[in-house]
N, C-alpha and C. Protein backbone atom coordinates (compact mmCIF):
# COMPACT_ATOMS: atom_id res chain seq x y z
N UNK A 1 121.97 -64.46 -90.29
CA UNK A 1 121.48 -64.89 -89.12
C UNK A 1 120.83 -66.53 -89.15
N UNK A 2 121.18 -67.37 -88.02
CA UNK A 2 121.01 -68.48 -87.79
C UNK A 2 119.46 -68.66 -87.75
N UNK A 3 118.74 -69.74 -87.93
CA UNK A 3 117.44 -69.87 -87.74
C UNK A 3 117.39 -71.55 -87.06
N UNK A 4 117.20 -71.43 -86.04
CA UNK A 4 117.16 -72.48 -84.88
C UNK A 4 115.76 -73.35 -84.51
N UNK A 5 115.63 -74.67 -84.23
CA UNK A 5 114.49 -75.14 -83.38
C UNK A 5 114.76 -75.47 -82.29
N UNK A 6 114.10 -75.77 -81.39
CA UNK A 6 114.26 -76.29 -80.05
C UNK A 6 114.88 -77.86 -80.29
N UNK A 7 115.97 -77.96 -79.21
CA UNK A 7 116.68 -79.07 -79.58
C UNK A 7 115.50 -80.23 -79.02
N UNK A 8 116.14 -81.31 -79.74
CA UNK A 8 114.87 -82.91 -79.63
C UNK A 8 116.36 -83.84 -78.91
N UNK A 9 115.62 -84.96 -78.12
CA UNK A 9 116.81 -85.75 -78.18
C UNK A 9 117.30 -86.94 -79.81
N UNK A 10 118.12 -86.96 -79.30
CA UNK A 10 118.85 -87.57 -80.23
C UNK A 10 117.96 -88.88 -81.67
N UNK A 11 117.24 -89.76 -80.83
CA UNK A 11 116.64 -90.54 -81.36
C UNK A 11 115.47 -89.98 -82.11
N UNK A 12 114.50 -89.03 -81.13
CA UNK A 12 113.41 -88.46 -81.95
C UNK A 12 114.02 -87.62 -83.00
N UNK A 13 115.08 -86.91 -83.03
CA UNK A 13 115.59 -86.19 -84.11
C UNK A 13 116.09 -86.98 -85.25
N UNK A 14 116.56 -87.96 -85.21
CA UNK A 14 116.86 -89.02 -86.21
C UNK A 14 115.55 -89.37 -86.78
N UNK A 15 114.74 -89.78 -85.78
CA UNK A 15 113.45 -90.02 -86.66
C UNK A 15 112.75 -89.20 -87.57
N UNK A 16 112.86 -88.15 -87.09
CA UNK A 16 112.20 -86.92 -87.50
C UNK A 16 112.71 -86.37 -89.21
N UNK A 17 114.05 -86.92 -89.25
CA UNK A 17 115.04 -86.55 -90.00
C UNK A 17 114.40 -87.91 -91.13
N UNK A 18 114.71 -88.80 -90.68
CA UNK A 18 114.32 -90.20 -91.60
C UNK A 18 112.98 -89.76 -92.13
N UNK A 19 112.03 -89.40 -91.25
CA UNK A 19 110.62 -89.41 -92.10
C UNK A 19 110.83 -87.95 -93.08
N UNK A 20 111.50 -87.22 -92.75
CA UNK A 20 111.33 -85.89 -93.27
C UNK A 20 111.85 -86.10 -94.78
N UNK A 21 112.78 -87.31 -94.83
CA UNK A 21 113.98 -87.25 -96.05
C UNK A 21 113.04 -88.20 -97.17
N UNK A 22 112.07 -89.20 -96.32
CA UNK A 22 111.11 -89.77 -97.37
C UNK A 22 109.66 -88.63 -97.57
N UNK A 23 109.41 -87.55 -97.22
CA UNK A 23 108.60 -86.80 -97.72
C UNK A 23 109.17 -86.03 -99.05
N UNK A 24 110.22 -85.94 -99.14
CA UNK A 24 111.04 -84.89 -99.62
C UNK A 24 111.29 -85.65 -101.20
N UNK A 25 111.50 -87.00 -100.96
CA UNK A 25 111.89 -87.58 -102.20
C UNK A 25 110.89 -87.36 -103.29
N UNK A 26 111.64 -86.97 -104.51
CA UNK A 26 111.01 -86.49 -105.31
C UNK A 26 111.08 -85.23 -105.81
N UNK A 27 111.79 -84.37 -104.79
CA UNK A 27 111.34 -82.83 -104.82
C UNK A 27 112.75 -82.43 -105.30
N UNK A 28 112.69 -81.07 -105.29
CA UNK A 28 114.18 -80.39 -105.44
C UNK A 28 114.96 -80.27 -104.06
N UNK A 29 114.33 -80.68 -103.02
CA UNK A 29 114.99 -80.77 -101.60
C UNK A 29 115.96 -82.08 -101.62
N UNK A 30 117.18 -81.89 -100.89
CA UNK A 30 118.06 -83.06 -101.06
C UNK A 30 117.57 -84.08 -99.85
N UNK A 31 117.48 -85.04 -100.22
CA UNK A 31 117.14 -86.06 -99.21
C UNK A 31 118.45 -86.40 -98.09
N UNK A 32 119.55 -85.79 -98.20
CA UNK A 32 120.21 -86.15 -97.37
C UNK A 32 120.57 -84.87 -96.14
N UNK A 33 120.44 -83.86 -97.28
CA UNK A 33 120.79 -82.50 -96.24
C UNK A 33 119.35 -81.75 -95.50
N UNK A 34 118.35 -82.01 -96.49
CA UNK A 34 116.86 -81.58 -96.36
C UNK A 34 116.76 -80.14 -96.65
N UNK A 35 117.91 -79.81 -97.48
CA UNK A 35 118.13 -78.30 -98.02
C UNK A 35 117.90 -78.20 -99.48
N UNK A 36 117.46 -76.90 -100.02
CA UNK A 36 117.33 -76.76 -101.46
C UNK A 36 117.98 -75.80 -101.82
N UNK A 37 118.73 -76.16 -103.00
CA UNK A 37 119.60 -75.46 -103.97
C UNK A 37 118.55 -73.90 -104.33
N UNK A 38 117.52 -74.03 -104.25
CA UNK A 38 116.70 -72.65 -104.76
C UNK A 38 117.35 -71.56 -104.05
N UNK A 39 117.54 -72.00 -102.72
CA UNK A 39 118.18 -70.47 -101.66
C UNK A 39 119.20 -70.09 -102.23
N UNK A 40 120.01 -70.72 -103.15
CA UNK A 40 121.33 -70.12 -103.62
C UNK A 40 121.26 -68.96 -104.67
N UNK A 41 119.79 -68.90 -105.26
CA UNK A 41 119.33 -67.68 -106.31
C UNK A 41 119.69 -66.61 -105.65
N UNK A 42 119.33 -66.49 -104.34
CA UNK A 42 119.66 -65.23 -103.18
C UNK A 42 120.84 -64.58 -103.67
N UNK A 43 121.96 -65.37 -103.73
CA UNK A 43 123.40 -65.09 -103.63
C UNK A 43 123.73 -64.78 -105.44
N UNK A 44 123.11 -65.97 -106.00
CA UNK A 44 123.21 -65.97 -107.15
C UNK A 44 123.09 -64.42 -108.22
N UNK A 45 122.05 -64.02 -107.69
CA UNK A 45 121.59 -62.69 -108.44
C UNK A 45 122.61 -61.37 -108.04
N UNK A 46 122.91 -61.79 -106.77
CA UNK A 46 123.76 -60.37 -106.59
C UNK A 46 125.20 -60.77 -107.12
N UNK A 47 125.67 -61.93 -107.55
CA UNK A 47 126.82 -62.32 -108.03
C UNK A 47 126.98 -61.65 -109.73
N UNK A 48 125.72 -61.86 -110.12
CA UNK A 48 125.46 -61.45 -111.31
C UNK A 48 125.24 -59.92 -111.64
N UNK A 49 124.83 -59.32 -110.66
CA UNK A 49 125.17 -57.85 -110.42
C UNK A 49 126.36 -57.32 -110.35
N UNK A 50 127.08 -58.38 -109.35
CA UNK A 50 128.39 -57.40 -109.26
C UNK A 50 129.44 -57.49 -110.27
N UNK A 51 129.06 -58.67 -111.29
CA UNK A 51 129.97 -58.88 -112.20
C UNK A 51 129.70 -57.90 -113.14
N UNK A 52 128.81 -57.42 -113.49
CA UNK A 52 128.26 -56.22 -114.14
C UNK A 52 128.94 -54.85 -113.88
N UNK A 53 128.88 -55.00 -112.57
CA UNK A 53 129.52 -53.22 -112.09
C UNK A 53 130.83 -52.76 -112.75
N UNK A 54 131.40 -53.32 -113.03
CA UNK A 54 132.57 -52.57 -113.49
C UNK A 54 132.61 -52.05 -115.17
N UNK A 55 131.31 -52.85 -115.84
CA UNK A 55 130.96 -52.65 -117.14
C UNK A 55 129.80 -51.69 -117.23
N UNK A 56 129.07 -51.93 -115.88
CA UNK A 56 127.71 -51.01 -115.92
C UNK A 56 127.57 -50.40 -114.31
N UNK A 57 128.29 -49.52 -114.22
CA UNK A 57 128.15 -48.73 -113.03
C UNK A 57 127.30 -48.56 -112.39
N UNK A 58 125.67 -48.26 -113.13
CA UNK A 58 124.55 -48.47 -112.69
C UNK A 58 124.27 -49.42 -112.05
N UNK A 59 124.76 -50.73 -112.34
CA UNK A 59 124.37 -51.67 -111.49
C UNK A 59 124.49 -51.71 -109.80
N UNK A 60 125.10 -51.15 -109.39
CA UNK A 60 125.64 -50.64 -108.26
C UNK A 60 124.52 -50.08 -107.20
N UNK A 61 123.80 -49.73 -108.03
CA UNK A 61 122.33 -49.45 -107.28
C UNK A 61 121.54 -50.71 -106.83
N UNK A 62 121.80 -51.44 -107.56
CA UNK A 62 120.70 -52.72 -107.50
C UNK A 62 121.63 -53.77 -106.48
N UNK A 63 123.10 -53.69 -106.73
CA UNK A 63 123.68 -54.58 -105.80
C UNK A 63 123.50 -53.48 -104.09
N UNK A 64 123.72 -52.15 -103.85
CA UNK A 64 123.30 -51.58 -102.80
C UNK A 64 122.00 -52.03 -102.23
N UNK A 65 121.21 -52.38 -103.04
CA UNK A 65 119.98 -52.77 -102.15
C UNK A 65 119.74 -54.23 -101.85
N UNK A 66 120.56 -54.88 -102.03
CA UNK A 66 120.91 -56.37 -101.55
C UNK A 66 120.93 -56.34 -100.00
N UNK A 67 120.05 -57.47 -99.64
CA UNK A 67 119.99 -57.78 -98.18
C UNK A 67 120.23 -59.17 -97.79
N UNK A 68 121.05 -59.65 -96.58
CA UNK A 68 120.58 -60.79 -96.15
C UNK A 68 119.59 -61.23 -96.12
N UNK A 69 119.31 -62.51 -96.57
CA UNK A 69 117.62 -63.15 -96.28
C UNK A 69 117.88 -64.53 -95.65
N UNK A 70 117.48 -64.73 -94.55
CA UNK A 70 117.63 -66.26 -93.98
C UNK A 70 117.04 -67.18 -94.76
N UNK A 71 117.19 -68.53 -94.94
CA UNK A 71 116.92 -69.67 -95.85
C UNK A 71 115.20 -69.40 -95.30
N UNK A 72 114.66 -69.48 -94.33
CA UNK A 72 113.20 -69.86 -94.11
C UNK A 72 112.36 -68.41 -94.74
N UNK A 73 112.94 -67.60 -94.54
CA UNK A 73 112.36 -66.19 -95.18
C UNK A 73 112.34 -66.20 -96.51
N UNK A 74 113.33 -66.70 -97.42
CA UNK A 74 113.46 -66.78 -98.67
C UNK A 74 112.67 -67.76 -99.08
N UNK A 75 111.92 -68.74 -98.67
CA UNK A 75 111.04 -69.38 -99.08
C UNK A 75 109.81 -69.19 -98.83
N UNK A 76 109.81 -68.68 -97.79
CA UNK A 76 108.03 -67.83 -97.70
C UNK A 76 107.87 -66.92 -98.61
N UNK A 77 108.95 -66.14 -99.05
CA UNK A 77 108.94 -65.29 -99.86
C UNK A 77 108.84 -65.61 -101.40
N UNK A 78 109.16 -66.75 -101.76
CA UNK A 78 109.52 -67.26 -103.30
C UNK A 78 108.32 -68.28 -103.62
N UNK A 79 108.29 -68.02 -105.02
CA UNK A 79 107.28 -68.83 -105.29
C UNK A 79 107.73 -70.65 -105.82
N UNK A 80 108.83 -70.92 -105.30
CA UNK A 80 109.23 -72.01 -105.13
C UNK A 80 108.25 -73.20 -104.94
N UNK A 81 108.02 -74.37 -105.55
CA UNK A 81 106.65 -75.02 -105.80
C UNK A 81 106.74 -75.70 -104.43
N UNK A 82 107.94 -76.37 -103.51
CA UNK A 82 107.70 -77.10 -102.47
C UNK A 82 108.03 -76.25 -101.39
N UNK A 83 108.04 -74.91 -101.37
CA UNK A 83 108.23 -73.77 -100.24
C UNK A 83 107.87 -74.25 -98.92
N UNK A 84 106.80 -74.50 -98.78
CA UNK A 84 106.33 -75.25 -97.15
C UNK A 84 107.05 -76.16 -96.96
N UNK A 85 107.41 -77.32 -97.81
CA UNK A 85 108.20 -78.39 -97.57
C UNK A 85 109.45 -77.80 -97.25
N UNK A 86 109.82 -76.82 -97.92
CA UNK A 86 111.44 -76.88 -97.86
C UNK A 86 111.84 -76.08 -96.45
N UNK A 87 110.60 -75.21 -95.81
CA UNK A 87 110.83 -74.70 -94.73
C UNK A 87 110.51 -75.75 -93.50
N UNK A 88 109.68 -76.34 -93.82
CA UNK A 88 109.34 -77.60 -92.49
C UNK A 88 110.48 -78.30 -92.63
N UNK A 89 111.32 -78.88 -93.56
CA UNK A 89 112.64 -79.62 -93.60
C UNK A 89 114.02 -79.17 -93.30
N UNK A 90 113.56 -77.77 -93.30
CA UNK A 90 114.83 -77.18 -92.51
C UNK A 90 114.93 -77.31 -91.21
N UNK A 91 113.85 -77.53 -90.54
CA UNK A 91 114.01 -77.59 -89.01
C UNK A 91 114.30 -78.82 -88.58
N UNK A 92 114.38 -79.66 -89.30
CA UNK A 92 114.60 -81.22 -89.16
C UNK A 92 116.05 -81.56 -89.55
N UNK A 93 116.60 -80.66 -90.51
CA UNK A 93 117.62 -81.11 -91.40
C UNK A 93 118.80 -81.32 -90.42
N UNK A 94 119.57 -82.28 -90.67
CA UNK A 94 120.83 -82.87 -89.85
C UNK A 94 121.48 -81.58 -89.39
N UNK A 95 121.70 -81.64 -87.93
CA UNK A 95 122.29 -80.65 -87.30
C UNK A 95 123.89 -80.01 -87.71
N UNK A 96 124.83 -81.05 -88.02
CA UNK A 96 125.80 -80.65 -88.58
C UNK A 96 125.85 -80.16 -89.76
N UNK A 97 125.15 -80.86 -90.71
CA UNK A 97 125.09 -79.97 -92.11
C UNK A 97 124.58 -78.69 -92.04
N UNK A 98 123.57 -78.67 -91.19
CA UNK A 98 122.74 -77.41 -90.90
C UNK A 98 123.66 -76.39 -90.64
N UNK A 99 124.44 -76.73 -89.29
CA UNK A 99 125.26 -75.62 -88.61
C UNK A 99 126.57 -75.59 -89.61
N UNK A 100 127.13 -76.12 -90.58
CA UNK A 100 128.03 -75.82 -91.62
C UNK A 100 127.42 -75.06 -92.76
N UNK A 101 125.99 -75.33 -93.26
CA UNK A 101 125.47 -74.73 -94.17
C UNK A 101 125.15 -73.05 -93.64
N UNK A 102 124.82 -73.00 -92.26
CA UNK A 102 124.51 -71.46 -91.49
C UNK A 102 125.64 -70.88 -91.42
N UNK A 103 126.74 -71.46 -91.20
CA UNK A 103 128.22 -70.92 -91.38
C UNK A 103 128.83 -70.21 -92.66
N UNK A 104 128.22 -70.94 -93.53
CA UNK A 104 129.14 -70.53 -94.98
C UNK A 104 127.88 -69.34 -95.45
N UNK A 105 126.41 -69.66 -94.85
CA UNK A 105 125.89 -68.63 -95.47
C UNK A 105 126.10 -67.15 -94.68
N UNK A 106 126.84 -67.16 -93.63
CA UNK A 106 127.19 -65.94 -92.54
C UNK A 106 128.37 -65.53 -93.48
N UNK A 107 129.43 -66.55 -93.78
CA UNK A 107 130.40 -65.95 -94.71
C UNK A 107 129.91 -65.34 -96.12
N UNK A 108 129.12 -66.03 -96.53
CA UNK A 108 128.43 -65.20 -97.91
C UNK A 108 127.94 -63.98 -97.42
N UNK A 109 127.20 -63.89 -96.65
CA UNK A 109 126.43 -62.78 -96.10
C UNK A 109 127.66 -61.36 -95.80
N UNK A 110 128.56 -61.95 -95.18
CA UNK A 110 129.75 -61.07 -94.75
C UNK A 110 130.47 -60.65 -95.92
N UNK A 111 130.86 -61.33 -96.78
CA UNK A 111 131.48 -61.42 -98.22
C UNK A 111 130.82 -60.52 -98.99
N UNK A 112 129.29 -60.36 -99.28
CA UNK A 112 128.84 -59.58 -100.02
C UNK A 112 128.78 -58.30 -99.33
N UNK A 113 128.28 -57.89 -98.24
CA UNK A 113 128.22 -56.70 -97.30
C UNK A 113 129.93 -56.01 -97.58
N UNK A 114 130.97 -56.92 -97.27
CA UNK A 114 131.86 -56.14 -97.34
C UNK A 114 132.24 -56.00 -98.82
N UNK A 115 132.33 -56.30 -99.68
CA UNK A 115 132.03 -55.86 -101.31
C UNK A 115 131.52 -54.85 -101.21
N UNK A 116 130.10 -54.72 -101.13
CA UNK A 116 129.37 -53.71 -101.14
C UNK A 116 130.15 -52.73 -100.87
N UNK A 117 130.92 -52.28 -99.46
CA UNK A 117 131.25 -51.17 -99.05
C UNK A 117 132.36 -50.73 -99.62
N UNK A 118 133.55 -51.40 -99.89
CA UNK A 118 134.53 -51.23 -100.61
C UNK A 118 134.02 -50.81 -102.11
N UNK A 119 133.17 -51.50 -102.70
CA UNK A 119 133.01 -51.06 -104.17
C UNK A 119 132.47 -49.32 -104.07
N UNK A 120 131.58 -49.51 -103.14
CA UNK A 120 131.18 -47.97 -102.95
C UNK A 120 132.10 -46.74 -102.49
N UNK A 121 133.23 -47.18 -101.75
CA UNK A 121 134.18 -46.46 -101.53
C UNK A 121 134.86 -46.14 -102.60
N UNK A 122 135.17 -46.97 -103.55
CA UNK A 122 136.03 -47.20 -104.77
C UNK A 122 135.41 -46.07 -105.90
N UNK A 123 133.81 -46.51 -105.81
CA UNK A 123 132.93 -45.32 -106.81
C UNK A 123 132.94 -43.94 -106.15
N UNK A 124 133.29 -43.65 -105.22
CA UNK A 124 133.09 -42.70 -104.33
C UNK A 124 134.52 -41.71 -104.67
N UNK A 125 135.40 -42.69 -105.02
CA UNK A 125 136.90 -41.73 -105.33
C UNK A 125 136.98 -41.76 -106.74
N UNK A 126 136.22 -42.23 -107.47
CA UNK A 126 136.13 -42.49 -108.83
C UNK A 126 137.06 -43.29 -109.68
N UNK A 127 137.71 -44.31 -108.79
CA UNK A 127 138.42 -45.18 -108.97
C UNK A 127 137.80 -46.41 -110.07
N UNK A 128 138.00 -46.26 -111.29
CA UNK A 128 137.04 -47.42 -112.30
C UNK A 128 138.14 -48.78 -111.98
N UNK A 129 139.14 -48.43 -111.86
CA UNK A 129 140.33 -49.60 -112.00
C UNK A 129 140.21 -50.32 -110.80
N UNK A 130 139.97 -49.59 -109.35
CA UNK A 130 139.71 -50.29 -107.86
C UNK A 130 138.57 -51.07 -108.17
N UNK A 131 137.31 -50.18 -108.87
CA UNK A 131 136.02 -51.06 -108.75
C UNK A 131 136.26 -52.42 -109.50
N UNK A 132 136.79 -52.34 -110.71
CA UNK A 132 136.73 -53.69 -111.16
C UNK A 132 137.64 -54.84 -110.49
N UNK A 133 138.43 -54.14 -109.88
CA UNK A 133 139.63 -54.82 -109.35
C UNK A 133 138.64 -55.66 -107.64
N UNK A 134 137.87 -54.81 -107.15
CA UNK A 134 137.41 -55.48 -106.22
C UNK A 134 135.91 -56.36 -106.49
N UNK A 135 135.39 -55.78 -107.65
CA UNK A 135 134.12 -56.55 -107.60
C UNK A 135 134.79 -57.74 -108.53
N UNK A 136 135.66 -58.08 -109.04
CA UNK A 136 136.23 -59.26 -109.48
C UNK A 136 136.49 -60.16 -108.31
N UNK A 137 137.32 -59.54 -107.32
CA UNK A 137 137.72 -60.49 -106.37
C UNK A 137 136.47 -60.76 -105.35
N UNK A 138 135.63 -60.05 -105.43
CA UNK A 138 133.86 -60.35 -104.39
C UNK A 138 133.87 -61.47 -104.99
N UNK A 139 133.13 -61.29 -106.75
CA UNK A 139 132.72 -62.53 -107.10
C UNK A 139 133.44 -63.83 -107.41
N UNK A 140 134.73 -63.79 -107.29
CA UNK A 140 135.47 -65.03 -106.73
C UNK A 140 134.92 -65.68 -105.65
N UNK A 141 135.33 -65.01 -104.80
CA UNK A 141 135.10 -65.35 -103.22
C UNK A 141 133.64 -65.78 -103.03
N UNK A 142 132.59 -64.70 -103.72
CA UNK A 142 131.33 -65.12 -103.13
C UNK A 142 130.68 -66.89 -103.98
N UNK A 143 131.68 -66.91 -105.20
CA UNK A 143 131.41 -68.11 -106.04
C UNK A 143 131.99 -69.10 -105.57
N UNK A 144 133.05 -68.91 -104.79
CA UNK A 144 133.63 -69.94 -103.97
C UNK A 144 132.59 -70.62 -102.94
N UNK A 145 132.17 -69.56 -102.26
CA UNK A 145 131.08 -69.77 -100.78
C UNK A 145 130.18 -70.36 -101.45
N UNK A 146 129.48 -70.25 -102.15
CA UNK A 146 128.38 -70.73 -103.27
C UNK A 146 128.72 -72.08 -103.48
N UNK A 147 129.72 -72.32 -103.99
CA UNK A 147 129.96 -73.75 -104.45
C UNK A 147 130.11 -74.71 -102.98
N UNK A 148 130.53 -74.07 -102.11
CA UNK A 148 130.62 -74.91 -100.69
C UNK A 148 129.11 -75.01 -100.18
N UNK A 149 128.35 -73.98 -100.14
CA UNK A 149 126.74 -74.03 -99.98
C UNK A 149 126.41 -75.05 -100.61
N UNK A 150 126.75 -74.85 -102.21
CA UNK A 150 125.97 -75.93 -103.06
C UNK A 150 126.13 -77.27 -102.50
N UNK A 151 127.44 -77.86 -101.90
CA UNK A 151 127.72 -79.13 -101.91
C UNK A 151 127.25 -79.56 -100.45
N UNK A 152 127.16 -78.40 -99.47
CA UNK A 152 126.27 -78.96 -98.31
C UNK A 152 125.10 -79.17 -98.69
N UNK A 153 124.38 -78.29 -99.23
CA UNK A 153 122.88 -78.74 -100.10
C UNK A 153 122.94 -80.08 -100.43
N UNK A 154 124.11 -80.49 -101.13
CA UNK A 154 123.77 -82.03 -101.83
C UNK A 154 124.75 -83.06 -100.94
N UNK A 155 124.64 -82.66 -99.65
CA UNK A 155 124.49 -83.73 -98.84
C UNK A 155 126.21 -84.11 -98.72
N UNK A 156 126.93 -83.10 -99.05
CA UNK A 156 128.56 -83.43 -98.96
C UNK A 156 129.12 -82.14 -97.78
N UNK A 157 130.11 -83.01 -97.12
CA UNK A 157 130.70 -81.87 -96.15
C UNK A 157 131.90 -81.82 -97.36
N UNK A 158 132.26 -80.62 -97.83
CA UNK A 158 133.28 -80.30 -98.32
C UNK A 158 134.43 -79.67 -97.41
N UNK A 159 135.45 -80.05 -97.98
CA UNK A 159 136.72 -79.99 -97.46
C UNK A 159 137.75 -78.98 -98.40
N UNK A 160 138.07 -77.98 -97.39
CA UNK A 160 139.14 -76.98 -98.52
C UNK A 160 140.61 -76.82 -98.06
N UNK A 161 141.25 -76.84 -98.92
CA UNK A 161 142.59 -76.70 -98.40
C UNK A 161 143.33 -75.20 -98.25
N UNK A 162 144.46 -75.15 -97.27
CA UNK A 162 144.41 -73.86 -96.85
C UNK A 162 144.54 -72.79 -97.86
N UNK A 163 145.16 -73.10 -99.22
CA UNK A 163 145.30 -72.27 -100.14
C UNK A 163 144.23 -71.85 -100.77
N UNK A 164 142.99 -72.65 -101.06
CA UNK A 164 141.94 -72.46 -101.28
C UNK A 164 141.32 -71.13 -100.47
N UNK A 165 141.38 -71.55 -98.96
CA UNK A 165 140.90 -70.75 -98.28
C UNK A 165 141.31 -69.34 -98.37
N UNK A 166 142.49 -69.34 -98.30
CA UNK A 166 143.39 -68.16 -98.36
C UNK A 166 142.84 -67.47 -99.88
N UNK A 167 142.79 -67.86 -100.77
CA UNK A 167 142.36 -67.18 -102.07
C UNK A 167 141.20 -66.55 -101.99
N UNK A 168 140.28 -67.52 -101.33
CA UNK A 168 138.88 -66.83 -101.03
C UNK A 168 138.75 -65.63 -100.27
N UNK A 169 139.47 -65.28 -99.25
CA UNK A 169 139.62 -64.50 -98.44
C UNK A 169 140.22 -62.93 -98.91
N UNK A 170 140.98 -63.20 -100.14
CA UNK A 170 141.61 -62.07 -100.30
C UNK A 170 140.89 -60.98 -101.41
N UNK A 171 140.47 -59.86 -100.96
CA UNK A 171 139.76 -58.73 -101.62
C UNK A 171 140.93 -58.09 -102.25
């Protein structure tokens, strides 16, 4: 789910972004992207559980309970020291970077949701081998997307070769 703010004219938006970059200096919020890597903990936790499912099938219950969580909601519910600043900074983050980040988060949510459905089906069939295969593929895909999201948070606009994209999309 994308979170947006009302449009502002380019000069006003650039001024707000520059002012926010000064405010976030010295925090765990990136000065260029105005995003914080703490948000990725939401995805890292489910990756850890997906990775354990083949050896500990009871972890599937915890994976099932995972739900997508928008960036600002994550910070509203977190103990992150600069959570209010992270929420405020998100609204003035550079639009191109924020759009790329939101697109990647959407892909993460979709990949995790699809993995949960596929692993549940394999579990219902009692296929331990298929569970291991699906969980491994999901972990690789989600980690790759987390790497892209991390690069975006760190103010980089990553480029991915077609072969890497194809490998990420294989389940």
